[in-house]
Amino acid sequence: MKLPIAIVLLFASPAAFGHGGEDHGAPPPAVSQDVAPRAAAATEDFEVVAALEGKHLVVYVDRFASNEPIAKAKVEVEGAGLNGLAAEAAPGAYVMNLAAPMPPAKHALTIGIEAADSADLLSATLGVAPPRRSAAPLPWWKRWLAREKPASSSIAPLATGPQRLADGSLFVPKPVQRQLGLRTRPARIGDLAATVELNGKVVPDPDSGGRVQATFAGIVMPGPKGMPLPGRKVAKGEVLAWLRPVAGAIERGNQRAQLAELEAQLAIADGRAKRLEQLEGAVPQKEIEAARIEYGALQKRRAYVAASIDSAEPLRAPAAGVISASHHLVAGQMVDAREVLFEIVDPTRLAVEALAYDAGIGATLVAASAVTDQYALDLRFVGSGRQLREQALPLLFRVATVNSMVAVGQPVKVIVRTAYEVKGAAVPRAALTKVGAGQGYDGAVWVHAEAERFVARRVRSQSLDGNNVAIVDGLHEGDRVVVEGAGLLSQVR
């Protein structure tokens, strides 16, 4: 059963009452344009903004910590001639119709909120000022001399969009916050894992990829499925192309001379074997068998030499995967020995190689991730080399998460989390903007200072992993940091 506000007030603690129109610090700068009369209040659970829009009082109810609109709540308003429930017009927006325009004055409002998991009372003061009129129209003869048109209205319009205030903070009305999808998270300062950033690049997994190289100088000919193209899936052992050897005139002449000599020797051996077979019983059997063996060996030698003149060697895939590079090979192209013809990678099994200038980083490494501007990858540490390369130690990581956007050779930033700790507040990487970067600062985060006011705080940060950063300077405990939509706030002018 819902209790009237007057009864709940008797049992509510003083700490439960939010207040509006009062600031214990420096007053916030005034908005640059007229806005609808409004009042704000907040408790540990709720944040409320009541806006007078014509003959309607709109009450916006959000979660204080996350700025998430609260839908399907019971909102009761008392004061300024109002006493009743507000109807939900949109998720988190509740409307009360006024019988008559609210007169200019300061109206005390008591707003009761009953959500699914909590309830509270908030008090706020709604200041209604007389409508500001624009400058009086000029006399007709002055307008004629200045060629001006008469004013269409003497009432100044109200602004509904976001505004940048004189101190650089932003005034963002609640409806605009809903459109931008702004979400916040209170900053919790504590001990976080210290990290080290390394430069790295994506490489094929040594256990899954492979290369096809020319074993000798020759001409590349298409395989059974044509010339392999990038992106084509291949199976292990599949014939990708043929490599026909290239021989000079002298070398080809020597091969043909050797073939002719073998054919002559083969004819002699054939005749000798037949004669011995006719004398079977008169000659030892071992001589007959030796003649047959010699004849068979000469046949094989002749076949090998004949095949070496015009035969082609098959180029087979050493591993299953996808053709990542074919080096623009075309049919009939001549290649040199040991030249790389095709590269095969398995998109589901990739690795990242990073260079560390601290030789002992492998001993303190706890976890690692790789980040780019578009995505983040979880990494699993494989091992580190013991030989310096470019004055750094190579570290190898396997990519634990499959991402179709990853390309071999792509540069990434590897974030290595160590066993050491640093004090700061963890926030999503998307919360850190480039506003105010420089002079020792890494950028800024937007803090939800008041119900409809956001302040940019210049901060120093340190990466935690692929998705989060640690704010080590610039935030206070409990600051409501914008974690979704921060980039949109930075675009307000």
Protein backbone atom coordinates (compact mmCIF):
# COMPACT_ATOMS: atom_id res chain seq x y z
CA MET A 1 0.00 0.00 0.00
CA LYS A 2 1.39 3.42 -0.93
CA LEU A 3 1.67 5.85 1.99
CA PRO A 4 1.01 9.56 1.50
CA ILE A 5 4.07 11.74 1.34
CA ALA A 6 3.13 13.55 4.54
CA ILE A 7 3.25 10.28 6.51
CA VAL A 8 6.53 9.13 4.93
CA LEU A 9 8.10 12.48 5.80
CA LEU A 10 7.65 11.78 9.51
CA PHE A 11 9.87 8.67 9.33
CA ALA A 12 12.38 9.71 6.68
CA SER A 13 15.84 10.58 7.93
CA PRO A 14 17.24 14.04 7.10
CA ALA A 15 19.95 12.43 4.95
CA ALA A 16 17.28 11.08 2.63
CA PHE A 17 16.33 14.53 1.37
CA GLY A 18 18.06 15.83 -1.74
CA HIS A 19 18.13 19.56 -2.27
CA GLY A 20 18.17 21.80 -5.28
CA GLY A 21 19.19 25.38 -5.82
CA GLU A 22 21.88 25.20 -3.10
CA ASP A 23 25.64 24.90 -3.60
CA HIS A 24 28.22 24.86 -0.85
CA GLY A 25 31.06 25.66 -3.26
CA ALA A 26 31.47 28.20 -6.00
CA PRO A 27 28.21 28.70 -7.89
CA PRO A 28 28.16 27.16 -11.37
CA PRO A 29 28.22 29.58 -14.30
CA ALA A 30 24.91 30.58 -15.77
CA VAL A 31 23.72 29.03 -19.01
CA SER A 32 24.19 31.19 -22.07
CA GLN A 33 20.57 30.84 -23.21
CA ASP A 34 17.21 30.78 -21.48
CA VAL A 35 15.99 27.33 -20.52
CA ALA A 36 12.76 26.08 -19.07
CA PRO A 37 12.41 26.53 -15.27
CA ARG A 38 13.82 23.46 -13.60
CA ALA A 39 14.73 22.00 -10.22
CA ALA A 40 17.15 19.21 -9.41
CA ALA A 41 17.59 16.91 -6.43
CA ALA A 42 19.53 13.76 -5.71
CA THR A 43 19.98 11.01 -3.14
CA GLU A 44 22.24 7.98 -3.06
CA ASP A 45 19.79 6.11 -5.29
CA PHE A 46 17.99 8.67 -7.43
CA GLU A 47 18.65 11.82 -9.40
CA VAL A 48 15.61 13.90 -10.31
CA VAL A 49 15.11 16.91 -12.57
CA ALA A 50 11.71 18.62 -12.66
CA ALA A 51 11.24 20.89 -15.68
CA LEU A 52 8.29 23.21 -16.24
CA GLU A 53 7.38 22.99 -19.92
CA GLY A 54 4.33 25.14 -20.54
CA LYS A 55 1.37 23.62 -18.73
CA HIS A 56 3.25 20.40 -18.02
CA LEU A 57 5.65 19.50 -15.24
CA VAL A 58 8.04 16.83 -16.53
CA VAL A 59 9.95 14.84 -13.91
CA TYR A 60 13.04 12.96 -15.14
CA VAL A 61 14.10 10.13 -12.82
CA ASP A 62 17.51 8.44 -13.20
CA ARG A 63 19.79 6.22 -11.19
CA PHE A 64 22.23 8.47 -9.38
CA ALA A 65 25.26 6.24 -9.94
CA SER A 66 24.71 5.18 -13.56
CA ASN A 67 22.46 7.94 -14.98
CA GLU A 68 20.18 5.18 -16.27
CA PRO A 69 16.50 6.19 -16.64
CA ILE A 70 14.18 4.44 -14.20
CA ALA A 71 11.09 3.11 -15.93
CA LYS A 72 7.80 1.92 -14.41
CA ALA A 73 8.26 3.84 -11.17
CA LYS A 74 5.61 5.61 -9.09
CA VAL A 75 6.34 9.33 -8.99
CA GLU A 76 4.26 11.53 -6.68
CA VAL A 77 4.64 15.32 -6.63
CA GLU A 78 3.39 17.59 -3.88
CA GLY A 79 3.70 21.37 -3.70
CA ALA A 80 3.04 24.43 -5.86
CA GLY A 81 -0.61 23.49 -6.00
CA LEU A 82 0.18 19.94 -7.14
CA ASN A 83 -0.65 16.73 -5.34
CA GLY A 84 -0.80 13.47 -7.23
CA LEU A 85 0.93 10.86 -9.34
CA ALA A 86 2.77 11.72 -12.53
CA ALA A 87 2.06 9.59 -15.61
CA GLU A 88 4.98 7.93 -17.41
CA ALA A 89 5.29 9.42 -20.90
CA ALA A 90 8.61 7.74 -21.75
CA PRO A 91 11.04 5.50 -19.86
CA GLY A 92 12.20 7.62 -16.94
CA ALA A 93 10.07 10.68 -17.88
CA TYR A 94 6.88 11.39 -15.90
CA VAL A 95 4.41 14.17 -16.69
CA MET A 96 1.86 16.07 -14.61
CA ASN A 97 -0.62 18.38 -16.31
CA LEU A 98 -1.16 21.80 -14.74
CA ALA A 99 -4.61 23.30 -14.49
CA ALA A 100 -3.17 26.80 -14.83
CA PRO A 101 0.27 28.27 -15.57
CA MET A 102 2.52 28.26 -12.53
CA PRO A 103 2.97 31.85 -11.27
CA PRO A 104 6.46 33.38 -11.06
CA ALA A 105 7.86 32.46 -7.64
CA LYS A 106 10.01 29.90 -5.85
CA HIS A 107 7.92 26.76 -5.42
CA ALA A 108 8.92 24.07 -2.94
CA LEU A 109 8.34 20.57 -4.32
CA THR A 110 8.42 17.22 -2.58
CA ILE A 111 8.89 14.31 -4.95
CA GLY A 112 8.34 10.74 -3.87
CA ILE A 113 9.96 7.97 -5.91
CA GLU A 114 8.99 4.32 -5.58
CA ALA A 115 10.98 2.02 -7.86
CA ALA A 116 11.06 -1.76 -8.01
CA ASP A 117 14.01 -2.05 -5.63
CA SER A 118 14.02 1.17 -3.60
CA ALA A 119 12.03 4.21 -2.59
CA ASP A 120 12.94 7.71 -1.46
CA LEU A 121 11.76 11.28 -0.96
CA LEU A 122 13.42 14.30 -2.50
CA SER A 123 12.84 18.00 -1.97
CA ALA A 124 13.60 20.66 -4.55
CA THR A 125 12.84 24.29 -5.25
CA LEU A 126 11.44 25.24 -8.64
CA GLY A 127 12.14 28.87 -9.45
CA VAL A 128 9.74 30.31 -12.03
CA ALA A 129 10.85 33.70 -13.32
CA PRO A 130 8.71 36.11 -15.31
CA PRO A 131 9.09 35.51 -19.04
CA ARG A 132 11.93 37.56 -20.47
CA ARG A 133 10.76 39.79 -23.28
CA SER A 134 12.89 40.76 -26.21
CA ALA A 135 13.72 44.36 -26.99
CA ALA A 136 10.76 46.59 -27.83
CA PRO A 137 10.12 47.00 -31.57
CA LEU A 138 11.38 50.21 -33.19
CA PRO A 139 8.93 52.83 -34.46
CA TRP A 140 7.77 52.38 -38.02
CA TRP A 141 9.82 55.30 -39.35
CA LYS A 142 13.04 53.94 -37.79
CA ARG A 143 12.34 50.49 -39.20
CA TRP A 144 11.74 52.08 -42.62
CA LEU A 145 15.05 53.95 -42.43
CA ALA A 146 16.90 50.85 -41.27
CA ARG A 147 14.88 48.63 -43.60
CA GLU A 148 14.12 46.28 -40.68
CA LYS A 149 11.24 43.89 -40.41
CA PRO A 150 8.96 44.07 -37.36
CA ALA A 151 9.63 41.57 -34.58
CA SER A 152 7.54 38.45 -34.98
CA SER A 153 7.28 37.85 -31.24
CA SER A 154 8.09 39.72 -28.09
CA ILE A 155 8.75 36.56 -26.03
CA ALA A 156 12.30 35.17 -26.16
CA PRO A 157 12.35 31.45 -27.13
CA LEU A 158 13.65 28.80 -24.73
CA ALA A 159 16.71 26.74 -25.55
CA THR A 160 16.47 22.95 -25.50
CA GLY A 161 19.92 21.83 -26.68
CA PRO A 162 23.22 21.37 -24.84
CA GLN A 163 25.36 24.42 -24.14
CA ARG A 164 29.02 24.99 -23.34
CA LEU A 165 29.30 27.28 -20.34
CA ALA A 166 31.83 30.01 -19.68
CA ASP A 167 34.08 27.77 -17.56
CA GLY A 168 34.20 25.05 -20.21
CA SER A 169 31.66 22.78 -18.52
CA LEU A 170 28.57 21.59 -20.36
CA PHE A 171 24.90 22.09 -19.64
CA VAL A 172 23.14 19.03 -21.04
CA PRO A 173 19.36 18.79 -20.46
CA LYS A 174 18.03 15.42 -19.40
CA PRO A 175 16.24 14.73 -22.72
CA VAL A 176 19.56 15.24 -24.55
CA GLN A 177 21.31 12.92 -22.08
CA ARG A 178 18.79 10.23 -23.00
CA GLN A 179 19.38 10.80 -26.72
CA LEU A 180 23.16 10.59 -26.32
CA GLY A 181 22.89 7.49 -24.12
CA LEU A 182 25.12 8.94 -21.39
CA ARG A 183 26.02 6.48 -18.64
CA THR A 184 28.22 7.08 -15.61
CA ARG A 185 30.13 5.07 -13.03
CA PRO A 186 31.40 6.27 -9.64
CA ALA A 187 35.18 6.32 -9.40
CA ARG A 188 36.62 3.88 -6.89
CA ILE A 189 40.27 4.59 -6.10
CA GLY A 190 42.32 1.61 -5.00
CA ASP A 191 45.33 -0.54 -5.76
CA LEU A 192 45.46 -1.70 -9.37
CA ALA A 193 47.94 -3.82 -11.27
CA ALA A 194 50.74 -1.79 -12.83
CA THR A 195 51.19 -2.24 -16.57
CA VAL A 196 53.85 -1.77 -19.22
CA GLU A 197 53.09 -0.82 -22.83
CA LEU A 198 55.10 -2.50 -25.58
CA ASN A 199 55.14 -2.16 -29.34
CA GLY A 200 54.20 -5.32 -31.18
CA LYS A 201 52.78 -6.75 -34.37
CA VAL A 202 50.55 -9.64 -35.36
CA VAL A 203 52.41 -12.67 -36.74
CA PRO A 204 51.28 -16.16 -37.83
CA ASP A 205 51.27 -18.84 -35.18
CA PRO A 206 54.44 -20.89 -35.80
CA ASP A 207 52.48 -24.11 -35.20
CA SER A 208 49.77 -23.40 -37.76
CA GLY A 209 51.05 -21.23 -40.62
CA GLY A 210 53.49 -22.01 -43.40
CA ARG A 211 55.34 -20.80 -46.48
CA VAL A 212 55.77 -22.28 -49.93
CA GLN A 213 59.19 -21.59 -51.47
CA ALA A 214 60.78 -22.52 -54.78
CA THR A 215 63.36 -25.28 -54.37
CA PHE A 216 64.98 -24.35 -57.69
CA ALA A 217 64.73 -21.70 -60.37
CA GLY A 218 61.78 -22.39 -62.60
CA ILE A 219 58.49 -21.33 -64.15
CA VAL A 220 55.29 -21.30 -62.06
CA MET A 221 52.32 -23.07 -63.66
CA PRO A 222 48.71 -23.12 -62.35
CA GLY A 223 47.58 -25.96 -60.10
CA PRO A 224 44.40 -28.05 -60.44
CA LYS A 225 42.25 -25.14 -59.14
CA GLY A 226 44.12 -22.37 -60.92
CA MET A 227 46.57 -19.91 -59.43
CA PRO A 228 46.03 -19.51 -55.66
CA LEU A 229 44.54 -16.13 -54.75
CA PRO A 230 44.59 -14.37 -51.36
CA GLY A 231 41.72 -15.49 -49.15
CA ARG A 232 41.40 -18.96 -50.66
CA LYS A 233 41.11 -21.82 -48.18
CA VAL A 234 43.53 -24.68 -48.71
CA ALA A 235 44.03 -28.10 -47.14
CA LYS A 236 47.30 -29.53 -45.95
CA GLY A 237 49.09 -31.30 -48.83
CA GLU A 238 46.93 -29.69 -51.52
CA VAL A 239 48.72 -28.95 -54.81
CA LEU A 240 48.71 -25.18 -55.19
CA ALA A 241 50.81 -24.87 -58.37
CA TRP A 242 53.55 -26.53 -60.40
CA LEU A 243 57.16 -25.45 -60.73
CA ARG A 244 58.76 -26.34 -64.05
CA PRO A 245 62.59 -26.20 -63.99
CA VAL A 246 64.43 -23.76 -66.21
CA ALA A 247 67.58 -25.16 -67.91
CA GLY A 248 70.03 -23.54 -70.30
CA ALA A 249 70.92 -24.93 -73.74
CA ILE A 250 74.16 -26.53 -72.51
CA GLU A 251 72.52 -28.09 -69.47
CA ARG A 252 69.62 -29.37 -71.56
CA GLY A 253 72.11 -30.81 -74.10
CA ASN A 254 74.01 -32.62 -71.35
CA GLN A 255 70.78 -34.11 -70.04
CA ARG A 256 69.80 -35.38 -73.50
CA ALA A 257 73.31 -36.83 -74.04
CA GLN A 258 73.07 -38.62 -70.71
CA LEU A 259 69.66 -39.95 -71.72
CA ALA A 260 71.04 -41.25 -75.04
CA GLU A 261 73.94 -42.96 -73.25
CA LEU A 262 71.52 -44.62 -70.81
CA GLU A 263 69.35 -45.83 -73.67
CA ALA A 264 72.42 -47.44 -75.29
CA GLN A 265 73.42 -49.11 -72.03
CA LEU A 266 69.86 -50.26 -71.58
CA ALA A 267 69.83 -51.91 -75.03
CA ILE A 268 73.12 -53.73 -74.29
CA ALA A 269 71.87 -54.89 -70.90
CA ASP A 270 68.62 -56.10 -72.45
CA GLY A 271 70.45 -58.16 -75.06
CA ARG A 272 72.81 -59.68 -72.51
CA ALA A 273 69.96 -60.62 -70.18
CA LYS A 274 68.09 -62.35 -73.02
CA ARG A 275 71.14 -64.35 -74.09
CA LEU A 276 71.78 -65.55 -70.58
CA GLU A 277 68.16 -66.58 -70.21
CA GLN A 278 68.55 -68.78 -73.31
CA LEU A 279 71.58 -70.47 -71.70
CA GLU A 280 69.74 -71.12 -68.49
CA GLY A 281 71.16 -74.31 -66.95
CA ALA A 282 74.47 -73.93 -68.72
CA VAL A 283 75.49 -70.75 -66.90
CA PRO A 284 75.25 -69.99 -63.21
CA GLN A 285 71.85 -68.65 -62.10
CA LYS A 286 73.47 -65.73 -60.31
CA GLU A 287 74.73 -64.32 -63.61
CA ILE A 288 71.21 -64.39 -65.04
CA GLU A 289 69.82 -62.59 -61.95
CA ALA A 290 72.62 -60.00 -62.07
CA ALA A 291 71.82 -59.25 -65.71
CA ARG A 292 68.13 -58.80 -64.90
CA ILE A 293 68.92 -56.48 -61.96
CA GLU A 294 71.27 -54.39 -64.08
CA TYR A 295 68.61 -54.07 -66.78
CA GLY A 296 65.99 -52.92 -64.23
CA ALA A 297 68.35 -50.36 -62.68
CA LEU A 298 69.12 -48.87 -66.09
CA GLN A 299 65.38 -48.60 -66.82
CA LYS A 300 64.84 -46.56 -63.63
CA ARG A 301 67.83 -44.32 -64.35
CA ARG A 302 66.50 -43.65 -67.84
CA ALA A 303 63.05 -42.80 -66.46
CA TYR A 304 64.47 -40.36 -63.90
CA VAL A 305 66.65 -38.57 -66.43
CA ALA A 306 63.80 -38.35 -68.96
CA ALA A 307 61.46 -36.95 -66.29
CA SER A 308 63.97 -34.31 -65.20
CA ILE A 309 64.06 -32.77 -68.66
CA ASP A 310 60.42 -31.59 -68.94
CA SER A 311 58.74 -32.61 -65.66
CA ALA A 312 57.31 -30.08 -63.11
CA GLU A 313 57.48 -30.30 -59.32
CA PRO A 314 54.20 -29.91 -57.37
CA LEU A 315 54.04 -27.05 -54.86
CA ARG A 316 51.99 -28.36 -51.91
CA ALA A 317 50.47 -26.52 -48.97
CA PRO A 318 52.48 -27.30 -45.80
CA ALA A 319 49.50 -26.51 -43.54
CA ALA A 320 45.76 -25.96 -43.69
CA GLY A 321 44.55 -22.38 -43.65
CA VAL A 322 44.02 -19.37 -45.89
CA ILE A 323 46.31 -17.94 -48.56
CA SER A 324 47.41 -14.65 -47.00
CA ALA A 325 49.83 -13.58 -49.73
CA SER A 326 50.60 -14.84 -53.23
CA HIS A 327 53.17 -12.15 -54.11
CA HIS A 328 51.32 -11.32 -57.34
CA LEU A 329 52.30 -14.56 -59.06
CA VAL A 330 50.90 -15.25 -62.52
CA ALA A 331 51.08 -18.30 -64.76
CA GLY A 332 54.41 -18.54 -66.57
CA GLN A 333 56.27 -16.29 -64.15
CA MET A 334 59.93 -17.17 -63.60
CA VAL A 335 61.11 -17.39 -59.99
CA ASP A 336 64.47 -17.94 -58.34
CA ALA A 337 65.42 -20.69 -55.95
CA ARG A 338 64.31 -20.14 -52.31
CA GLU A 339 61.92 -17.38 -53.37
CA VAL A 340 58.72 -17.21 -51.24
CA LEU A 341 55.75 -17.98 -53.48
CA PHE A 342 52.77 -18.37 -51.11
CA GLU A 343 52.11 -17.70 -47.43
CA ILE A 344 49.43 -19.59 -45.51
CA VAL A 345 47.93 -18.56 -42.17
CA ASP A 346 45.18 -19.93 -39.96
CA PRO A 347 42.95 -16.93 -39.04
CA THR A 348 41.85 -18.69 -35.86
CA ARG A 349 45.43 -19.20 -34.64
CA LEU A 350 47.51 -16.04 -34.63
CA ALA A 351 50.25 -14.67 -32.41
CA VAL A 352 51.66 -11.31 -31.37
CA GLU A 353 55.35 -10.53 -31.11
CA ALA A 354 56.42 -7.63 -28.90
CA LEU A 355 59.78 -6.09 -28.04
CA ALA A 356 60.60 -5.48 -24.36
CA TYR A 357 63.53 -3.34 -23.24
CA ASP A 358 63.35 -4.81 -19.72
CA ALA A 359 64.87 -8.28 -19.79
CA GLY A 360 63.13 -9.24 -16.54
CA ILE A 361 59.60 -8.43 -17.60
CA GLY A 362 58.79 -12.07 -18.30
CA ALA A 363 59.30 -12.94 -14.62
CA THR A 364 56.72 -10.37 -13.41
CA LEU A 365 54.20 -10.80 -16.24
CA VAL A 366 50.69 -11.71 -15.03
CA ALA A 367 48.47 -11.10 -18.08
CA ALA A 368 48.61 -9.31 -21.40
CA SER A 369 46.34 -7.85 -24.06
CA ALA A 370 46.75 -6.08 -27.39
CA VAL A 371 44.81 -3.00 -28.45
CA THR A 372 44.25 -1.02 -31.63
CA ASP A 373 41.86 1.79 -32.42
CA GLN A 374 39.13 -0.69 -33.36
CA TYR A 375 39.41 -3.69 -31.05
CA ALA A 376 41.18 -5.40 -28.17
CA LEU A 377 42.68 -8.90 -28.02
CA ASP A 378 43.34 -11.15 -25.05
CA LEU A 379 46.83 -12.65 -25.19
CA ARG A 380 48.43 -15.71 -23.65
CA PHE A 381 52.15 -15.51 -22.93
CA VAL A 382 54.20 -18.20 -24.69
CA GLY A 383 57.79 -17.26 -23.91
CA SER A 384 60.61 -14.81 -24.46
CA GLY A 385 63.80 -15.07 -26.44
CA ARG A 386 67.23 -14.74 -24.86
CA GLN A 387 68.88 -12.89 -27.73
CA LEU A 388 68.43 -9.15 -28.15
CA ARG A 389 66.91 -7.83 -31.33
CA GLU A 390 67.22 -4.07 -31.92
CA GLN A 391 68.41 -3.77 -28.30
CA ALA A 392 65.17 -5.37 -27.07
CA LEU A 393 64.03 -8.82 -26.03
CA PRO A 394 61.33 -10.45 -28.23
CA LEU A 395 58.23 -11.74 -26.43
CA LEU A 396 55.75 -14.11 -28.07
CA PHE A 397 52.03 -14.21 -27.20
CA ARG A 398 49.22 -16.30 -28.64
CA VAL A 399 45.93 -14.55 -29.44
CA ALA A 400 43.26 -16.08 -27.20
CA THR A 401 40.27 -14.35 -28.82
CA VAL A 402 39.32 -14.87 -32.47
CA ASN A 403 38.72 -11.64 -34.39
CA SER A 404 38.16 -11.57 -38.14
CA MET A 405 39.53 -8.01 -38.36
CA VAL A 406 43.04 -9.04 -37.29
CA ALA A 407 45.60 -9.00 -40.11
CA VAL A 408 49.09 -10.46 -40.09
CA GLY A 409 51.70 -7.73 -39.87
CA GLN A 410 49.32 -5.26 -38.24
CA PRO A 411 51.00 -3.13 -35.53
CA VAL A 412 49.41 -3.31 -32.08
CA LYS A 413 50.06 -1.93 -28.63
CA VAL A 414 50.70 -4.73 -26.14
CA ILE A 415 49.69 -4.00 -22.55
CA VAL A 416 51.50 -6.25 -20.09
CA ARG A 417 50.06 -6.43 -16.58
CA THR A 418 52.74 -7.04 -13.98
CA ALA A 419 52.72 -8.18 -10.37
CA TYR A 420 53.36 -4.61 -9.17
CA GLU A 421 50.55 -2.25 -8.10
CA VAL A 422 49.59 1.37 -8.72
CA LYS A 423 46.90 3.47 -7.01
CA GLY A 424 44.13 4.79 -9.24
CA ALA A 425 40.57 4.40 -10.50
CA ALA A 426 39.73 1.90 -13.24
CA VAL A 427 37.52 3.27 -16.03
CA PRO A 428 36.70 1.98 -19.53
CA ARG A 429 39.10 3.08 -22.23
CA ALA A 430 36.20 4.78 -24.04
CA ALA A 431 35.81 7.20 -21.10
CA LEU A 432 39.23 8.78 -21.78
CA THR A 433 39.03 11.48 -24.45
CA LYS A 434 41.74 13.53 -26.13
CA VAL A 435 40.35 16.78 -24.70
CA GLY A 436 43.13 18.66 -22.90
CA ALA A 437 45.87 16.18 -23.85
CA GLY A 438 49.41 17.49 -23.52
CA GLN A 439 51.55 19.15 -20.86
CA GLY A 440 51.88 15.86 -19.01
CA TYR A 441 48.20 14.95 -19.27
CA ASP A 442 46.90 12.01 -21.31
CA GLY A 443 43.49 13.57 -21.96
CA ALA A 444 40.33 14.17 -19.98
CA VAL A 445 37.31 12.36 -18.63
CA TRP A 446 33.85 13.87 -18.26
CA VAL A 447 32.50 14.01 -14.71
CA HIS A 448 28.77 14.26 -14.00
CA ALA A 449 29.07 17.17 -11.55
CA GLU A 450 25.37 18.04 -11.32
CA ALA A 451 22.15 16.66 -12.70
CA GLU A 452 22.54 18.53 -16.01
CA ARG A 453 26.13 19.72 -15.82
CA PHE A 454 29.27 17.89 -16.95
CA VAL A 455 32.86 18.94 -16.28
CA ALA A 456 35.98 17.82 -18.16
CA ARG A 457 38.78 16.71 -15.82
CA ARG A 458 42.32 16.53 -17.19
CA VAL A 459 43.86 13.28 -16.00
CA ARG A 460 46.95 11.13 -16.14
CA SER A 461 46.33 7.51 -16.98
CA GLN A 462 47.97 4.14 -17.32
CA SER A 463 46.67 1.21 -19.34
CA LEU A 464 45.25 -1.74 -17.42
CA ASP A 465 44.24 -4.03 -20.27
CA GLY A 466 42.70 -3.82 -23.70
CA ASN A 467 39.43 -2.36 -22.42
CA ASN A 468 40.30 -0.37 -19.28
CA VAL A 469 42.70 2.31 -18.09
CA ALA A 470 43.73 3.41 -14.61
CA ILE A 471 43.27 7.10 -13.83
CA VAL A 472 46.20 7.78 -11.51
CA ASP A 473 45.71 11.55 -11.19
CA GLY A 474 42.78 13.93 -11.66
CA LEU A 475 39.84 12.06 -10.10
CA HIS A 476 38.39 11.94 -6.60
CA GLU A 477 36.62 9.09 -4.85
CA GLY A 478 32.99 8.93 -5.93
CA ASP A 479 33.27 11.16 -9.01
CA ARG A 480 30.66 10.04 -11.51
CA VAL A 481 32.69 9.40 -14.65
CA VAL A 482 30.94 9.23 -18.02
CA VAL A 483 31.74 5.76 -19.34
CA GLU A 484 29.36 5.77 -22.34
CA GLY A 485 28.93 8.73 -24.67
CA ALA A 486 32.04 10.64 -23.57
CA GLY A 487 33.11 11.19 -27.16
CA LEU A 488 29.75 12.78 -27.97
CA LEU A 489 30.08 15.24 -25.09
CA SER A 490 33.45 16.36 -26.45
CA GLN A 491 31.74 17.47 -29.66
CA VAL A 492 29.43 19.99 -27.96
CA ARG A 493 30.37 23.55 -28.93
